[in-house]
Amino acid sequence: MIIEGPLKIEVIDNDQGSRELHLDFTDEFRSMNQAQQSEAFHEFILYLKGEIGVLEDKDPNRKGMLMIAQISEQLLPHIEANEIPLEETVVVNLEVDNPFGNITQI
């Protein structure tokens, strides 16, 4: 899955057997002024939603794109308020599906 936009996205398998999503803002995005960043990020979310809309429910890329869209929607107000240091990596811990379902979560 290739997502074009203001974020460089990387999935990292860490030593504890879980996964992390690392989000870095592109140099191009960081060089924009705050109003341009807000507009570009909003357009990015609209782009994601459009791409998701054409994917079939069973397409494996759909789940990943939905996750990026949801995270981006959560980041947008902070970008608009200029509250995020764009030179830092945003790390999201991903919950790995349990092959045993909820049986171990009693």
N, C-alpha and C. Protein backbone atom coordinates (compact mmCIF):
# COMPACT_ATOMS: atom_id res chain seq x y z
N MET A 1 0.84 -1.16 0.00
CA MET A 1 0.00 0.00 0.00
C MET A 1 0.90 1.24 0.00
N ILE A 2 0.67 2.13 -0.93
CA ILE A 2 1.41 3.38 -1.00
C ILE A 2 0.42 4.51 -0.78
N ILE A 3 0.73 5.34 0.21
CA ILE A 3 -0.12 6.48 0.52
C ILE A 3 0.70 7.74 0.27
N GLU A 4 0.24 8.54 -0.67
CA GLU A 4 0.90 9.81 -0.99
C GLU A 4 0.36 10.88 -0.08
N GLY A 5 1.24 11.70 0.48
CA GLY A 5 0.76 12.77 1.32
C GLY A 5 1.83 13.36 2.21
N PRO A 6 1.42 14.07 3.26
CA PRO A 6 2.35 14.77 4.12
C PRO A 6 3.06 13.89 5.14
N LEU A 7 2.75 12.60 5.16
CA LEU A 7 3.33 11.69 6.14
C LEU A 7 4.17 10.61 5.48
N LYS A 8 5.29 10.29 6.12
CA LYS A 8 6.05 9.08 5.80
C LYS A 8 5.63 8.07 6.85
N ILE A 9 5.16 6.91 6.42
CA ILE A 9 4.57 5.93 7.32
C ILE A 9 5.41 4.66 7.32
N GLU A 10 5.70 4.17 8.51
CA GLU A 10 6.50 2.96 8.65
C GLU A 10 5.92 2.10 9.76
N VAL A 11 5.82 0.79 9.52
CA VAL A 11 5.37 -0.15 10.54
C VAL A 11 6.62 -0.84 11.08
N ILE A 12 6.76 -0.81 12.41
CA ILE A 12 7.94 -1.36 13.08
C ILE A 12 7.51 -2.52 13.97
N ASP A 13 8.17 -3.67 13.83
CA ASP A 13 7.99 -4.78 14.76
C ASP A 13 9.01 -4.59 15.88
N ASN A 14 8.53 -4.42 17.12
CA ASN A 14 9.48 -4.20 18.20
C ASN A 14 9.83 -5.50 18.91
N ASP A 15 10.73 -5.42 19.87
CA ASP A 15 11.26 -6.60 20.56
C ASP A 15 10.23 -7.34 21.39
N GLN A 16 9.17 -6.67 21.81
CA GLN A 16 8.15 -7.30 22.64
C GLN A 16 7.12 -8.07 21.82
N GLY A 17 7.29 -8.14 20.52
CA GLY A 17 6.37 -8.88 19.67
C GLY A 17 5.17 -8.06 19.24
N SER A 18 5.16 -6.79 19.55
CA SER A 18 4.06 -5.94 19.10
C SER A 18 4.55 -5.06 17.96
N ARG A 19 3.65 -4.26 17.42
CA ARG A 19 3.98 -3.41 16.29
C ARG A 19 3.72 -1.95 16.64
N GLU A 20 4.49 -1.10 16.01
CA GLU A 20 4.31 0.34 16.15
C GLU A 20 4.19 0.95 14.77
N LEU A 21 3.40 1.98 14.69
CA LEU A 21 3.26 2.76 13.48
C LEU A 21 4.04 4.05 13.71
N HIS A 22 5.02 4.32 12.88
CA HIS A 22 5.82 5.53 13.00
C HIS A 22 5.41 6.49 11.89
N LEU A 23 5.01 7.68 12.28
CA LEU A 23 4.57 8.71 11.34
C LEU A 23 5.54 9.88 11.42
N ASP A 24 6.15 10.20 10.29
CA ASP A 24 7.03 11.37 10.19
C ASP A 24 6.46 12.30 9.14
N PHE A 25 6.52 13.59 9.41
CA PHE A 25 6.05 14.57 8.44
C PHE A 25 7.14 14.80 7.39
N THR A 26 6.73 14.91 6.14
CA THR A 26 7.68 15.09 5.05
C THR A 26 8.34 16.47 5.15
N ASP A 27 9.52 16.59 4.55
CA ASP A 27 10.21 17.87 4.52
C ASP A 27 9.36 18.94 3.83
N GLU A 28 8.71 18.54 2.75
CA GLU A 28 7.85 19.48 2.01
C GLU A 28 6.75 20.03 2.92
N PHE A 29 6.11 19.15 3.69
CA PHE A 29 5.04 19.57 4.59
C PHE A 29 5.57 20.49 5.68
N ARG A 30 6.72 20.15 6.23
CA ARG A 30 7.30 20.96 7.31
C ARG A 30 7.70 22.35 6.82
N SER A 31 8.03 22.49 5.53
CA SER A 31 8.46 23.78 4.99
C SER A 31 7.29 24.73 4.71
N MET A 32 6.06 24.21 4.77
CA MET A 32 4.88 25.05 4.53
C MET A 32 4.61 25.93 5.75
N ASN A 33 3.87 27.04 5.51
CA ASN A 33 3.44 27.82 6.67
C ASN A 33 2.25 27.10 7.30
N GLN A 34 1.85 27.56 8.48
CA GLN A 34 0.84 26.85 9.27
C GLN A 34 -0.50 26.72 8.53
N ALA A 35 -0.93 27.77 7.84
CA ALA A 35 -2.20 27.71 7.10
C ALA A 35 -2.11 26.69 5.96
N GLN A 36 -0.99 26.65 5.26
CA GLN A 36 -0.79 25.68 4.19
C GLN A 36 -0.77 24.26 4.73
N GLN A 37 -0.14 24.07 5.89
CA GLN A 37 -0.10 22.74 6.51
C GLN A 37 -1.51 22.27 6.85
N SER A 38 -2.30 23.14 7.43
CA SER A 38 -3.68 22.77 7.78
C SER A 38 -4.47 22.37 6.55
N GLU A 39 -4.36 23.16 5.50
CA GLU A 39 -5.08 22.87 4.26
C GLU A 39 -4.59 21.57 3.63
N ALA A 40 -3.27 21.39 3.58
CA ALA A 40 -2.70 20.18 2.98
C ALA A 40 -3.12 18.93 3.76
N PHE A 41 -3.16 19.03 5.08
CA PHE A 41 -3.51 17.86 5.89
C PHE A 41 -4.99 17.54 5.73
N HIS A 42 -5.82 18.57 5.66
CA HIS A 42 -7.25 18.36 5.42
C HIS A 42 -7.46 17.69 4.06
N GLU A 43 -6.77 18.15 3.05
CA GLU A 43 -6.87 17.55 1.71
C GLU A 43 -6.37 16.10 1.73
N PHE A 44 -5.36 15.83 2.52
CA PHE A 44 -4.85 14.47 2.66
C PHE A 44 -5.92 13.53 3.21
N ILE A 45 -6.65 14.00 4.21
CA ILE A 45 -7.73 13.20 4.79
C ILE A 45 -8.82 12.95 3.76
N LEU A 46 -9.18 13.96 2.98
CA LEU A 46 -10.18 13.79 1.92
C LEU A 46 -9.69 12.80 0.87
N TYR A 47 -8.40 12.88 0.53
CA TYR A 47 -7.80 11.94 -0.42
C TYR A 47 -7.92 10.50 0.10
N LEU A 48 -7.57 10.31 1.38
CA LEU A 48 -7.66 8.97 1.98
C LEU A 48 -9.08 8.44 1.92
N LYS A 49 -10.03 9.26 2.30
CA LYS A 49 -11.43 8.83 2.29
C LYS A 49 -11.89 8.47 0.89
N GLY A 50 -11.44 9.21 -0.10
CA GLY A 50 -11.78 8.89 -1.48
C GLY A 50 -11.19 7.57 -1.93
N GLU A 51 -9.93 7.33 -1.57
CA GLU A 51 -9.27 6.07 -1.92
C GLU A 51 -9.91 4.89 -1.20
N ILE A 52 -10.27 5.07 0.05
CA ILE A 52 -10.93 4.02 0.82
C ILE A 52 -12.27 3.67 0.20
N GLY A 53 -12.96 4.69 -0.27
CA GLY A 53 -14.29 4.50 -0.85
C GLY A 53 -14.32 3.62 -2.08
N VAL A 54 -13.21 3.54 -2.80
CA VAL A 54 -13.19 2.72 -4.02
C VAL A 54 -12.67 1.30 -3.77
N LEU A 55 -12.17 1.04 -2.56
CA LEU A 55 -11.66 -0.29 -2.24
C LEU A 55 -12.80 -1.20 -1.77
N GLU A 56 -12.69 -2.45 -2.13
CA GLU A 56 -13.66 -3.44 -1.65
C GLU A 56 -13.42 -3.70 -0.17
N ASP A 57 -14.47 -4.09 0.54
CA ASP A 57 -14.36 -4.35 1.98
C ASP A 57 -13.29 -5.38 2.31
N LYS A 58 -13.08 -6.35 1.43
CA LYS A 58 -12.12 -7.42 1.70
C LYS A 58 -10.69 -7.07 1.28
N ASP A 59 -10.50 -5.92 0.67
CA ASP A 59 -9.16 -5.51 0.24
C ASP A 59 -8.29 -5.29 1.47
N PRO A 60 -7.12 -5.95 1.55
CA PRO A 60 -6.27 -5.82 2.74
C PRO A 60 -5.75 -4.40 2.96
N ASN A 61 -5.68 -3.60 1.91
CA ASN A 61 -5.22 -2.22 2.06
C ASN A 61 -6.24 -1.33 2.75
N ARG A 62 -7.50 -1.72 2.68
CA ARG A 62 -8.58 -0.89 3.23
C ARG A 62 -8.40 -0.67 4.74
N LYS A 63 -8.09 -1.72 5.48
CA LYS A 63 -7.93 -1.62 6.93
C LYS A 63 -6.80 -0.66 7.29
N GLY A 64 -5.69 -0.78 6.59
CA GLY A 64 -4.56 0.11 6.85
C GLY A 64 -4.87 1.55 6.53
N MET A 65 -5.55 1.76 5.42
CA MET A 65 -5.90 3.13 5.03
C MET A 65 -6.92 3.72 6.00
N LEU A 66 -7.85 2.91 6.47
CA LEU A 66 -8.82 3.38 7.47
C LEU A 66 -8.10 3.83 8.74
N MET A 67 -7.11 3.06 9.16
CA MET A 67 -6.37 3.39 10.36
C MET A 67 -5.62 4.71 10.18
N ILE A 68 -4.97 4.90 9.04
CA ILE A 68 -4.24 6.13 8.78
C ILE A 68 -5.21 7.31 8.73
N ALA A 69 -6.38 7.11 8.12
CA ALA A 69 -7.39 8.18 8.06
C ALA A 69 -7.87 8.56 9.46
N GLN A 70 -8.12 7.57 10.30
CA GLN A 70 -8.58 7.85 11.66
C GLN A 70 -7.52 8.58 12.47
N ILE A 71 -6.29 8.15 12.36
CA ILE A 71 -5.19 8.81 13.08
C ILE A 71 -5.04 10.24 12.56
N SER A 72 -5.11 10.41 11.25
CA SER A 72 -4.98 11.74 10.65
C SER A 72 -6.08 12.68 11.11
N GLU A 73 -7.30 12.16 11.22
CA GLU A 73 -8.40 12.98 11.71
C GLU A 73 -8.15 13.43 13.16
N GLN A 74 -7.51 12.57 13.95
CA GLN A 74 -7.18 12.92 15.32
C GLN A 74 -6.05 13.95 15.38
N LEU A 75 -5.13 13.90 14.42
CA LEU A 75 -4.01 14.83 14.39
C LEU A 75 -4.40 16.21 13.86
N LEU A 76 -5.40 16.26 12.98
CA LEU A 76 -5.76 17.50 12.29
C LEU A 76 -5.96 18.70 13.23
N PRO A 77 -6.77 18.59 14.28
CA PRO A 77 -6.95 19.77 15.14
C PRO A 77 -5.65 20.24 15.78
N HIS A 78 -4.74 19.33 16.04
CA HIS A 78 -3.45 19.68 16.65
C HIS A 78 -2.54 20.35 15.62
N ILE A 79 -2.66 19.94 14.38
CA ILE A 79 -1.89 20.59 13.31
C ILE A 79 -2.45 21.99 13.08
N GLU A 80 -3.77 22.11 13.07
CA GLU A 80 -4.41 23.42 12.88
C GLU A 80 -4.03 24.38 14.01
N ALA A 81 -3.85 23.86 15.21
CA ALA A 81 -3.49 24.68 16.37
C ALA A 81 -1.97 24.83 16.53
N ASN A 82 -1.22 24.23 15.61
CA ASN A 82 0.24 24.29 15.65
C ASN A 82 0.80 23.74 16.96
N GLU A 83 0.24 22.61 17.41
CA GLU A 83 0.63 22.00 18.69
C GLU A 83 1.56 20.80 18.56
N ILE A 84 1.88 20.41 17.34
CA ILE A 84 2.70 19.22 17.15
C ILE A 84 4.07 19.61 16.62
N PRO A 85 5.16 19.19 17.29
CA PRO A 85 6.49 19.45 16.74
C PRO A 85 6.70 18.55 15.51
N LEU A 86 6.71 19.14 14.35
CA LEU A 86 6.71 18.38 13.10
C LEU A 86 8.01 17.65 12.82
N GLU A 87 9.05 17.96 13.56
CA GLU A 87 10.32 17.27 13.34
C GLU A 87 10.41 15.97 14.13
N GLU A 88 9.43 15.72 15.00
CA GLU A 88 9.43 14.50 15.80
C GLU A 88 8.56 13.42 15.18
N THR A 89 8.86 12.17 15.50
CA THR A 89 8.09 11.03 15.02
C THR A 89 6.90 10.80 15.92
N VAL A 90 5.73 10.63 15.31
CA VAL A 90 4.53 10.27 16.06
C VAL A 90 4.49 8.74 16.07
N VAL A 91 4.42 8.15 17.27
CA VAL A 91 4.43 6.69 17.41
C VAL A 91 3.06 6.24 17.92
N VAL A 92 2.49 5.27 17.20
CA VAL A 92 1.20 4.70 17.58
C VAL A 92 1.43 3.20 17.81
N ASN A 93 1.06 2.73 18.99
CA ASN A 93 1.16 1.29 19.28
C ASN A 93 -0.02 0.58 18.64
N LEU A 94 0.28 -0.49 17.91
CA LEU A 94 -0.76 -1.26 17.24
C LEU A 94 -1.05 -2.52 18.04
N GLU A 95 -2.30 -2.80 18.25
CA GLU A 95 -2.69 -4.01 18.95
C GLU A 95 -2.73 -5.15 17.93
N VAL A 96 -1.99 -6.18 18.20
CA VAL A 96 -1.94 -7.34 17.32
C VAL A 96 -3.14 -8.22 17.65
N ASP A 97 -3.83 -8.68 16.60
CA ASP A 97 -4.99 -9.54 16.81
C ASP A 97 -4.58 -10.80 17.56
N ASN A 98 -5.38 -11.16 18.55
CA ASN A 98 -5.14 -12.35 19.35
C ASN A 98 -5.76 -13.54 18.61
N PRO A 99 -4.98 -14.55 18.25
CA PRO A 99 -5.53 -15.69 17.50
C PRO A 99 -6.56 -16.48 18.31
N PHE A 100 -6.59 -16.28 19.64
CA PHE A 100 -7.52 -17.00 20.49
C PHE A 100 -8.77 -16.18 20.81
N GLY A 101 -8.90 -15.03 20.15
CA GLY A 101 -10.06 -14.18 20.41
C GLY A 101 -10.04 -13.64 21.82
N ASN A 102 -11.19 -13.57 22.45
CA ASN A 102 -11.30 -13.01 23.80
C ASN A 102 -11.13 -14.05 24.90
N ILE A 103 -10.80 -15.28 24.54
CA ILE A 103 -10.73 -16.35 25.53
C ILE A 103 -9.69 -16.05 26.61
N THR A 104 -8.61 -15.31 26.24
CA THR A 104 -7.57 -15.02 27.23
C THR A 104 -7.81 -13.72 27.97
N GLN A 105 -8.87 -13.01 27.62
CA GLN A 105 -9.17 -11.73 28.24
C GLN A 105 -10.35 -11.87 29.20
N ILE A 106 -10.17 -12.60 30.26
CA ILE A 106 -11.25 -12.86 31.23
C ILE A 106 -11.13 -11.92 32.39
